[in-house]
Amino acid sequence: NLQKLHEEQHQWTEAYDTRRRLAKLA
């Protein structure tokens, strides 16, 4: 949800970092 929220705000770097964090975690 944090990733989607960043995407909706066009905060692409934050969304990318969150996605990387999620990918490593999962």
PDB file of all heavy atoms in Angstrom:
ATOM      1  N   ASN A   1       0.817  -1.212   0.000  1.00  0.00           N
ATOM      2  CA  ASN A   1       0.000   0.000   0.000  1.00  0.00           C
ATOM      3  C   ASN A   1       0.847   1.257   0.000  1.00  0.00           C
ATOM      4  O   ASN A   1       0.465   2.266  -0.608  1.00  0.00           O
ATOM      5  CB  ASN A   1      -0.939  -0.013   1.209  1.00  0.00           C
ATOM      6  CG  ASN A   1      -2.136  -0.930   0.997  1.00  0.00           C
ATOM      7  OD1 ASN A   1      -3.059  -0.605   0.265  1.00  0.00           O
ATOM      8  ND2 ASN A   1      -2.100  -2.087   1.643  1.00  0.00           N
ATOM      9  N   LEU A   2       1.999   1.199   0.636  1.00  0.00           N
ATOM     10  CA  LEU A   2       2.900   2.341   0.622  1.00  0.00           C
ATOM     11  C   LEU A   2       3.433   2.569  -0.795  1.00  0.00           C
ATOM     12  O   LEU A   2       3.523   3.711  -1.266  1.00  0.00           O
ATOM     13  CB  LEU A   2       4.055   2.100   1.595  1.00  0.00           C
ATOM     14  CG  LEU A   2       5.016   3.263   1.821  1.00  0.00           C
ATOM     15  CD1 LEU A   2       4.289   4.472   2.383  1.00  0.00           C
ATOM     16  CD2 LEU A   2       6.154   2.838   2.751  1.00  0.00           C
ATOM     17  N   GLN A   3       3.769   1.474  -1.479  1.00  0.00           N
ATOM     18  CA  GLN A   3       4.231   1.590  -2.865  1.00  0.00           C
ATOM     19  C   GLN A   3       3.151   2.219  -3.742  1.00  0.00           C
ATOM     20  O   GLN A   3       3.423   3.143  -4.522  1.00  0.00           O
ATOM     21  CB  GLN A   3       4.589   0.215  -3.416  1.00  0.00           C
ATOM     22  CG  GLN A   3       4.973   0.215  -4.900  1.00  0.00           C
ATOM     23  CD  GLN A   3       4.900  -1.164  -5.531  1.00  0.00           C
ATOM     24  OE1 GLN A   3       5.132  -2.153  -4.876  1.00  0.00           O
ATOM     25  NE2 GLN A   3       4.539  -1.213  -6.808  1.00  0.00           N
ATOM     26  N   LYS A   4       1.918   1.739  -3.623  1.00  0.00           N
ATOM     27  CA  LYS A   4       0.826   2.273  -4.438  1.00  0.00           C
ATOM     28  C   LYS A   4       0.582   3.747  -4.130  1.00  0.00           C
ATOM     29  O   LYS A   4       0.293   4.548  -5.032  1.00  0.00           O
ATOM     30  CB  LYS A   4      -0.453   1.472  -4.197  1.00  0.00           C
ATOM     31  CG  LYS A   4      -0.416   0.054  -4.729  1.00  0.00           C
ATOM     32  CD  LYS A   4      -0.291   0.041  -6.236  1.00  0.00           C
ATOM     33  CE  LYS A   4      -0.273  -1.376  -6.789  1.00  0.00           C
ATOM     34  NZ  LYS A   4      -0.033  -1.380  -8.250  1.00  0.00           N
ATOM     35  N   LEU A   5       0.716   4.105  -2.873  1.00  0.00           N
ATOM     36  CA  LEU A   5       0.499   5.500  -2.495  1.00  0.00           C
ATOM     37  C   LEU A   5       1.554   6.403  -3.124  1.00  0.00           C
ATOM     38  O   LEU A   5       1.243   7.487  -3.636  1.00  0.00           O
ATOM     39  CB  LEU A   5       0.534   5.619  -0.969  1.00  0.00           C
ATOM     40  CG  LEU A   5      -0.138   6.840  -0.337  1.00  0.00           C
ATOM     41  CD1 LEU A   5      -1.600   6.931  -0.751  1.00  0.00           C
ATOM     42  CD2 LEU A   5      -0.021   6.767   1.172  1.00  0.00           C
ATOM     43  N   HIS A   6       2.797   5.946  -3.110  1.00  0.00           N
ATOM     44  CA  HIS A   6       3.861   6.716  -3.753  1.00  0.00           C
ATOM     45  C   HIS A   6       3.621   6.822  -5.260  1.00  0.00           C
ATOM     46  O   HIS A   6       3.854   7.879  -5.863  1.00  0.00           O
ATOM     47  CB  HIS A   6       5.216   6.068  -3.489  1.00  0.00           C
ATOM     48  CG  HIS A   6       5.740   6.285  -2.101  1.00  0.00           C
ATOM     49  ND1 HIS A   6       5.777   7.537  -1.515  1.00  0.00           N
ATOM     50  CD2 HIS A   6       6.276   5.420  -1.194  1.00  0.00           C
ATOM     51  CE1 HIS A   6       6.308   7.435  -0.301  1.00  0.00           C
ATOM     52  NE2 HIS A   6       6.601   6.167  -0.078  1.00  0.00           N
ATOM     53  N   GLU A   7       3.151   5.741  -5.872  1.00  0.00           N
ATOM     54  CA  GLU A   7       2.872   5.774  -7.308  1.00  0.00           C
ATOM     55  C   GLU A   7       1.763   6.767  -7.634  1.00  0.00           C
ATOM     56  O   GLU A   7       1.862   7.518  -8.613  1.00  0.00           O
ATOM     57  CB  GLU A   7       2.488   4.377  -7.800  1.00  0.00           C
ATOM     58  CG  GLU A   7       3.637   3.389  -7.818  1.00  0.00           C
ATOM     59  CD  GLU A   7       3.221   1.998  -8.241  1.00  0.00           C
ATOM     60  OE1 GLU A   7       2.013   1.780  -8.493  1.00  0.00           O
ATOM     61  OE2 GLU A   7       4.094   1.132  -8.301  1.00  0.00           O
ATOM     62  N   GLU A   8       0.715   6.770  -6.817  1.00  0.00           N
ATOM     63  CA  GLU A   8      -0.392   7.688  -7.057  1.00  0.00           C
ATOM     64  C   GLU A   8       0.063   9.145  -6.981  1.00  0.00           C
ATOM     65  O   GLU A   8      -0.494  10.012  -7.659  1.00  0.00           O
ATOM     66  CB  GLU A   8      -1.508   7.430  -6.045  1.00  0.00           C
ATOM     67  CG  GLU A   8      -2.228   6.104  -6.258  1.00  0.00           C
ATOM     68  CD  GLU A   8      -3.151   5.761  -5.108  1.00  0.00           C
ATOM     69  OE1 GLU A   8      -3.472   6.676  -4.308  1.00  0.00           O
ATOM     70  OE2 GLU A   8      -3.560   4.585  -4.991  1.00  0.00           O
ATOM     71  N   GLN A   9       1.072   9.398  -6.157  1.00  0.00           N
ATOM     72  CA  GLN A   9       1.611  10.758  -6.005  1.00  0.00           C
ATOM     73  C   GLN A   9       2.759  11.035  -6.979  1.00  0.00           C
ATOM     74  O   GLN A   9       3.398  12.084  -6.895  1.00  0.00           O
ATOM     75  CB  GLN A   9       2.089  10.963  -4.570  1.00  0.00           C
ATOM     76  CG  GLN A   9       1.017  10.762  -3.509  1.00  0.00           C
ATOM     77  CD  GLN A   9      -0.195  11.635  -3.735  1.00  0.00           C
ATOM     78  OE1 GLN A   9      -0.061  12.850  -3.890  1.00  0.00           O
ATOM     79  NE2 GLN A   9      -1.382  11.030  -3.761  1.00  0.00           N
ATOM     80  N   HIS A  10       3.041  10.065  -7.854  1.00  0.00           N
ATOM     81  CA  HIS A  10       4.143  10.171  -8.815  1.00  0.00           C
ATOM     82  C   HIS A  10       5.488  10.367  -8.114  1.00  0.00           C
ATOM     83  O   HIS A  10       6.382  11.024  -8.635  1.00  0.00           O
ATOM     84  CB  HIS A  10       3.897  11.300  -9.818  1.00  0.00           C
ATOM     85  CG  HIS A  10       2.765  11.030 -10.748  1.00  0.00           C
ATOM     86  ND1 HIS A  10       2.436  11.863 -11.795  1.00  0.00           N
ATOM     87  CD2 HIS A  10       1.887   9.993 -10.801  1.00  0.00           C
ATOM     88  CE1 HIS A  10       1.391  11.357 -12.453  1.00  0.00           C
ATOM     89  NE2 HIS A  10       1.044  10.233 -11.855  1.00  0.00           N
ATOM     90  N   GLN A  11       5.611   9.755  -6.958  1.00  0.00           N
ATOM     91  CA  GLN A  11       6.881   9.743  -6.229  1.00  0.00           C
ATOM     92  C   GLN A  11       7.608   8.456  -6.624  1.00  0.00           C
ATOM     93  O   GLN A  11       7.650   7.473  -5.889  1.00  0.00           O
ATOM     94  CB  GLN A  11       6.620   9.810  -4.719  1.00  0.00           C
ATOM     95  CG  GLN A  11       5.914  11.091  -4.294  1.00  0.00           C
ATOM     96  CD  GLN A  11       5.380  11.039  -2.871  1.00  0.00           C
ATOM     97  OE1 GLN A  11       5.148   9.964  -2.322  1.00  0.00           O
ATOM     98  NE2 GLN A  11       5.159  12.201  -2.277  1.00  0.00           N
ATOM     99  N   TRP A  12       8.177   8.482  -7.806  1.00  0.00           N
ATOM    100  CA  TRP A  12       8.657   7.249  -8.426  1.00  0.00           C
ATOM    101  C   TRP A  12       9.862   6.665  -7.707  1.00  0.00           C
ATOM    102  O   TRP A  12       9.979   5.437  -7.581  1.00  0.00           O
ATOM    103  CB  TRP A  12       8.971   7.500  -9.897  1.00  0.00           C
ATOM    104  CG  TRP A  12       7.813   8.044 -10.664  1.00  0.00           C
ATOM    105  CD1 TRP A  12       7.725   9.258 -11.271  1.00  0.00           C
ATOM    106  CD2 TRP A  12       6.552   7.399 -10.892  1.00  0.00           C
ATOM    107  NE1 TRP A  12       6.492   9.419 -11.864  1.00  0.00           N
ATOM    108  CE2 TRP A  12       5.744   8.289 -11.648  1.00  0.00           C
ATOM    109  CE3 TRP A  12       6.016   6.168 -10.528  1.00  0.00           C
ATOM    110  CZ2 TRP A  12       4.458   7.974 -12.050  1.00  0.00           C
ATOM    111  CZ3 TRP A  12       4.729   5.848 -10.926  1.00  0.00           C
ATOM    112  CH2 TRP A  12       3.972   6.745 -11.676  1.00  0.00           C
ATOM    113  N   THR A  13      10.770   7.486  -7.248  1.00  0.00           N
ATOM    114  CA  THR A  13      11.946   6.963  -6.550  1.00  0.00           C
ATOM    115  C   THR A  13      11.533   6.265  -5.260  1.00  0.00           C
ATOM    116  O   THR A  13      12.026   5.168  -4.946  1.00  0.00           O
ATOM    117  CB  THR A  13      12.939   8.096  -6.244  1.00  0.00           C
ATOM    118  OG1 THR A  13      13.346   8.708  -7.466  1.00  0.00           O
ATOM    119  CG2 THR A  13      14.169   7.558  -5.528  1.00  0.00           C
ATOM    120  N   GLU A  14      10.625   6.880  -4.509  1.00  0.00           N
ATOM    121  CA  GLU A  14      10.145   6.269  -3.272  1.00  0.00           C
ATOM    122  C   GLU A  14       9.399   4.970  -3.559  1.00  0.00           C
ATOM    123  O   GLU A  14       9.540   3.977  -2.831  1.00  0.00           O
ATOM    124  CB  GLU A  14       9.248   7.248  -2.510  1.00  0.00           C
ATOM    125  CG  GLU A  14       9.956   8.466  -1.952  1.00  0.00           C
ATOM    126  CD  GLU A  14      10.124   9.578  -2.976  1.00  0.00           C
ATOM    127  OE1 GLU A  14       9.833   9.341  -4.184  1.00  0.00           O
ATOM    128  OE2 GLU A  14      10.532  10.677  -2.577  1.00  0.00           O
ATOM    129  N   ALA A  15       8.591   4.975  -4.626  1.00  0.00           N
ATOM    130  CA  ALA A  15       7.868   3.755  -5.001  1.00  0.00           C
ATOM    131  C   ALA A  15       8.845   2.645  -5.381  1.00  0.00           C
ATOM    132  O   ALA A  15       8.659   1.476  -5.014  1.00  0.00           O
ATOM    133  CB  ALA A  15       6.921   4.042  -6.157  1.00  0.00           C
ATOM    134  N   TYR A  16       9.899   3.010  -6.130  1.00  0.00           N
ATOM    135  CA  TYR A  16      10.904   2.024  -6.538  1.00  0.00           C
ATOM    136  C   TYR A  16      11.605   1.436  -5.318  1.00  0.00           C
ATOM    137  O   TYR A  16      11.759   0.207  -5.206  1.00  0.00           O
ATOM    138  CB  TYR A  16      11.916   2.688  -7.470  1.00  0.00           C
ATOM    139  CG  TYR A  16      13.037   1.785  -7.915  1.00  0.00           C
ATOM    140  CD1 TYR A  16      12.860   0.900  -8.974  1.00  0.00           C
ATOM    141  CD2 TYR A  16      14.273   1.806  -7.266  1.00  0.00           C
ATOM    142  CE1 TYR A  16      13.885   0.060  -9.378  1.00  0.00           C
ATOM    143  CE2 TYR A  16      15.299   0.963  -7.664  1.00  0.00           C
ATOM    144  CZ  TYR A  16      15.104   0.105  -8.726  1.00  0.00           C
ATOM    145  OH  TYR A  16      16.122  -0.730  -9.112  1.00  0.00           O
ATOM    146  N   ASP A  17      12.026   2.289  -4.394  1.00  0.00           N
ATOM    147  CA  ASP A  17      12.721   1.806  -3.189  1.00  0.00           C
ATOM    148  C   ASP A  17      11.814   0.902  -2.364  1.00  0.00           C
ATOM    149  O   ASP A  17      12.275  -0.120  -1.817  1.00  0.00           O
ATOM    150  CB  ASP A  17      13.187   2.992  -2.344  1.00  0.00           C
ATOM    151  CG  ASP A  17      14.288   3.792  -3.021  1.00  0.00           C
ATOM    152  OD1 ASP A  17      14.931   3.244  -3.944  1.00  0.00           O
ATOM    153  OD2 ASP A  17      14.498   4.956  -2.641  1.00  0.00           O
ATOM    154  N   THR A  18      10.543   1.254  -2.283  1.00  0.00           N
ATOM    155  CA  THR A  18       9.596   0.427  -1.527  1.00  0.00           C
ATOM    156  C   THR A  18       9.400  -0.916  -2.200  1.00  0.00           C
ATOM    157  O   THR A  18       9.332  -1.961  -1.534  1.00  0.00           O
ATOM    158  CB  THR A  18       8.241   1.162  -1.392  1.00  0.00           C
ATOM    159  OG1 THR A  18       8.451   2.440  -0.797  1.00  0.00           O
ATOM    160  CG2 THR A  18       7.283   0.368  -0.519  1.00  0.00           C
ATOM    161  N   ARG A  19       9.329  -0.901  -3.533  1.00  0.00           N
ATOM    162  CA  ARG A  19       9.158  -2.163  -4.269  1.00  0.00           C
ATOM    163  C   ARG A  19      10.374  -3.062  -4.094  1.00  0.00           C
ATOM    164  O   ARG A  19      10.243  -4.277  -3.945  1.00  0.00           O
ATOM    165  CB  ARG A  19       8.914  -1.874  -5.751  1.00  0.00           C
ATOM    166  CG  ARG A  19       8.614  -3.129  -6.574  1.00  0.00           C
ATOM    167  CD  ARG A  19       7.290  -3.724  -6.188  1.00  0.00           C
ATOM    168  NE  ARG A  19       7.146  -5.092  -6.677  1.00  0.00           N
ATOM    169  CZ  ARG A  19       6.032  -5.813  -6.542  1.00  0.00           C
ATOM    170  NH1 ARG A  19       4.990  -5.297  -5.938  1.00  0.00           N
ATOM    171  NH2 ARG A  19       5.965  -7.044  -6.995  1.00  0.00           N
ATOM    172  N   ARG A  20      11.557  -2.479  -4.112  1.00  0.00           N
ATOM    173  CA  ARG A  20      12.766  -3.273  -3.893  1.00  0.00           C
ATOM    174  C   ARG A  20      12.769  -3.884  -2.497  1.00  0.00           C
ATOM    175  O   ARG A  20      13.156  -5.040  -2.309  1.00  0.00           O
ATOM    176  CB  ARG A  20      14.009  -2.392  -4.088  1.00  0.00           C
ATOM    177  CG  ARG A  20      14.310  -2.022  -5.532  1.00  0.00           C
ATOM    178  CD  ARG A  20      14.642  -3.245  -6.378  1.00  0.00           C
ATOM    179  NE  ARG A  20      15.776  -3.968  -5.872  1.00  0.00           N
ATOM    180  CZ  ARG A  20      17.031  -3.756  -6.237  1.00  0.00           C
ATOM    181  NH1 ARG A  20      17.298  -2.796  -7.109  1.00  0.00           N
ATOM    182  NH2 ARG A  20      18.005  -4.483  -5.754  1.00  0.00           N
ATOM    183  N   ARG A  21      12.341  -3.112  -1.548  1.00  0.00           N
ATOM    184  CA  ARG A  21      12.265  -3.614  -0.163  1.00  0.00           C
ATOM    185  C   ARG A  21      11.274  -4.771  -0.067  1.00  0.00           C
ATOM    186  O   ARG A  21      11.542  -5.789   0.574  1.00  0.00           O
ATOM    187  CB  ARG A  21      11.843  -2.464   0.753  1.00  0.00           C
ATOM    188  CG  ARG A  21      11.791  -2.792   2.235  1.00  0.00           C
ATOM    189  CD  ARG A  21      11.456  -1.532   3.018  1.00  0.00           C
ATOM    190  NE  ARG A  21      11.202  -1.822   4.419  1.00  0.00           N
ATOM    191  CZ  ARG A  21      10.803  -0.907   5.303  1.00  0.00           C
ATOM    192  NH1 ARG A  21      10.625   0.348   4.903  1.00  0.00           N
ATOM    193  NH2 ARG A  21      10.577  -1.252   6.570  1.00  0.00           N
ATOM    194  N   LEU A  22      10.142  -4.616  -0.728  1.00  0.00           N
ATOM    195  CA  LEU A  22       9.129  -5.676  -0.731  1.00  0.00           C
ATOM    196  C   LEU A  22       9.648  -6.910  -1.443  1.00  0.00           C
ATOM    197  O   LEU A  22       9.437  -8.045  -0.994  1.00  0.00           O
ATOM    198  CB  LEU A  22       7.860  -5.170  -1.408  1.00  0.00           C
ATOM    199  CG  LEU A  22       6.729  -6.187  -1.605  1.00  0.00           C
ATOM    200  CD1 LEU A  22       6.198  -6.654  -0.257  1.00  0.00           C
ATOM    201  CD2 LEU A  22       5.598  -5.577  -2.435  1.00  0.00           C
ATOM    202  N   ALA A  23      10.323  -6.713  -2.570  1.00  0.00           N
ATOM    203  CA  ALA A  23      10.839  -7.848  -3.344  1.00  0.00           C
ATOM    204  C   ALA A  23      11.843  -8.659  -2.531  1.00  0.00           C
ATOM    205  O   ALA A  23      11.811  -9.898  -2.542  1.00  0.00           O
ATOM    206  CB  ALA A  23      11.484  -7.339  -4.626  1.00  0.00           C
ATOM    207  N   LYS A  24      12.724  -7.992  -1.835  1.00  0.00           N
ATOM    208  CA  LYS A  24      13.715  -8.705  -1.011  1.00  0.00           C
ATOM    209  C   LYS A  24      13.052  -9.419   0.158  1.00  0.00           C
ATOM    210  O   LYS A  24      13.403 -10.544   0.496  1.00  0.00           O
ATOM    211  CB  LYS A  24      14.753  -7.721  -0.503  1.00  0.00           C
ATOM    212  CG  LYS A  24      15.657  -7.161  -1.590  1.00  0.00           C
ATOM    213  CD  LYS A  24      16.642  -6.150  -1.026  1.00  0.00           C
ATOM    214  CE  LYS A  24      17.526  -5.574  -2.129  1.00  0.00           C
ATOM    215  NZ  LYS A  24      18.457  -4.544  -1.611  1.00  0.00           N
ATOM    216  N   LEU A  25      12.081  -8.756   0.753  1.00  0.00           N
ATOM    217  CA  LEU A  25      11.394  -9.333   1.907  1.00  0.00           C
ATOM    218  C   LEU A  25      10.619 -10.581   1.528  1.00  0.00           C
ATOM    219  O   LEU A  25      10.659 -11.601   2.205  1.00  0.00           O
ATOM    220  CB  LEU A  25      10.438  -8.292   2.513  1.00  0.00           C
ATOM    221  CG  LEU A  25       9.566  -8.765   3.674  1.00  0.00           C
ATOM    222  CD1 LEU A  25      10.430  -9.110   4.876  1.00  0.00           C
ATOM    223  CD2 LEU A  25       8.549  -7.698   4.044  1.00  0.00           C
ATOM    224  N   ALA A  26       9.905 -10.511   0.408  1.00  0.00           N
ATOM    225  CA  ALA A  26       9.049 -11.619  -0.011  1.00  0.00           C
ATOM    226  C   ALA A  26       9.770 -12.614  -0.897  1.00  0.00           C
ATOM    227  O   ALA A  26       9.154 -13.552  -1.402  1.00  0.00           O
ATOM    228  CB  ALA A  26       7.820 -11.071  -0.735  1.00  0.00           C
TER     229      ALA A  26
END
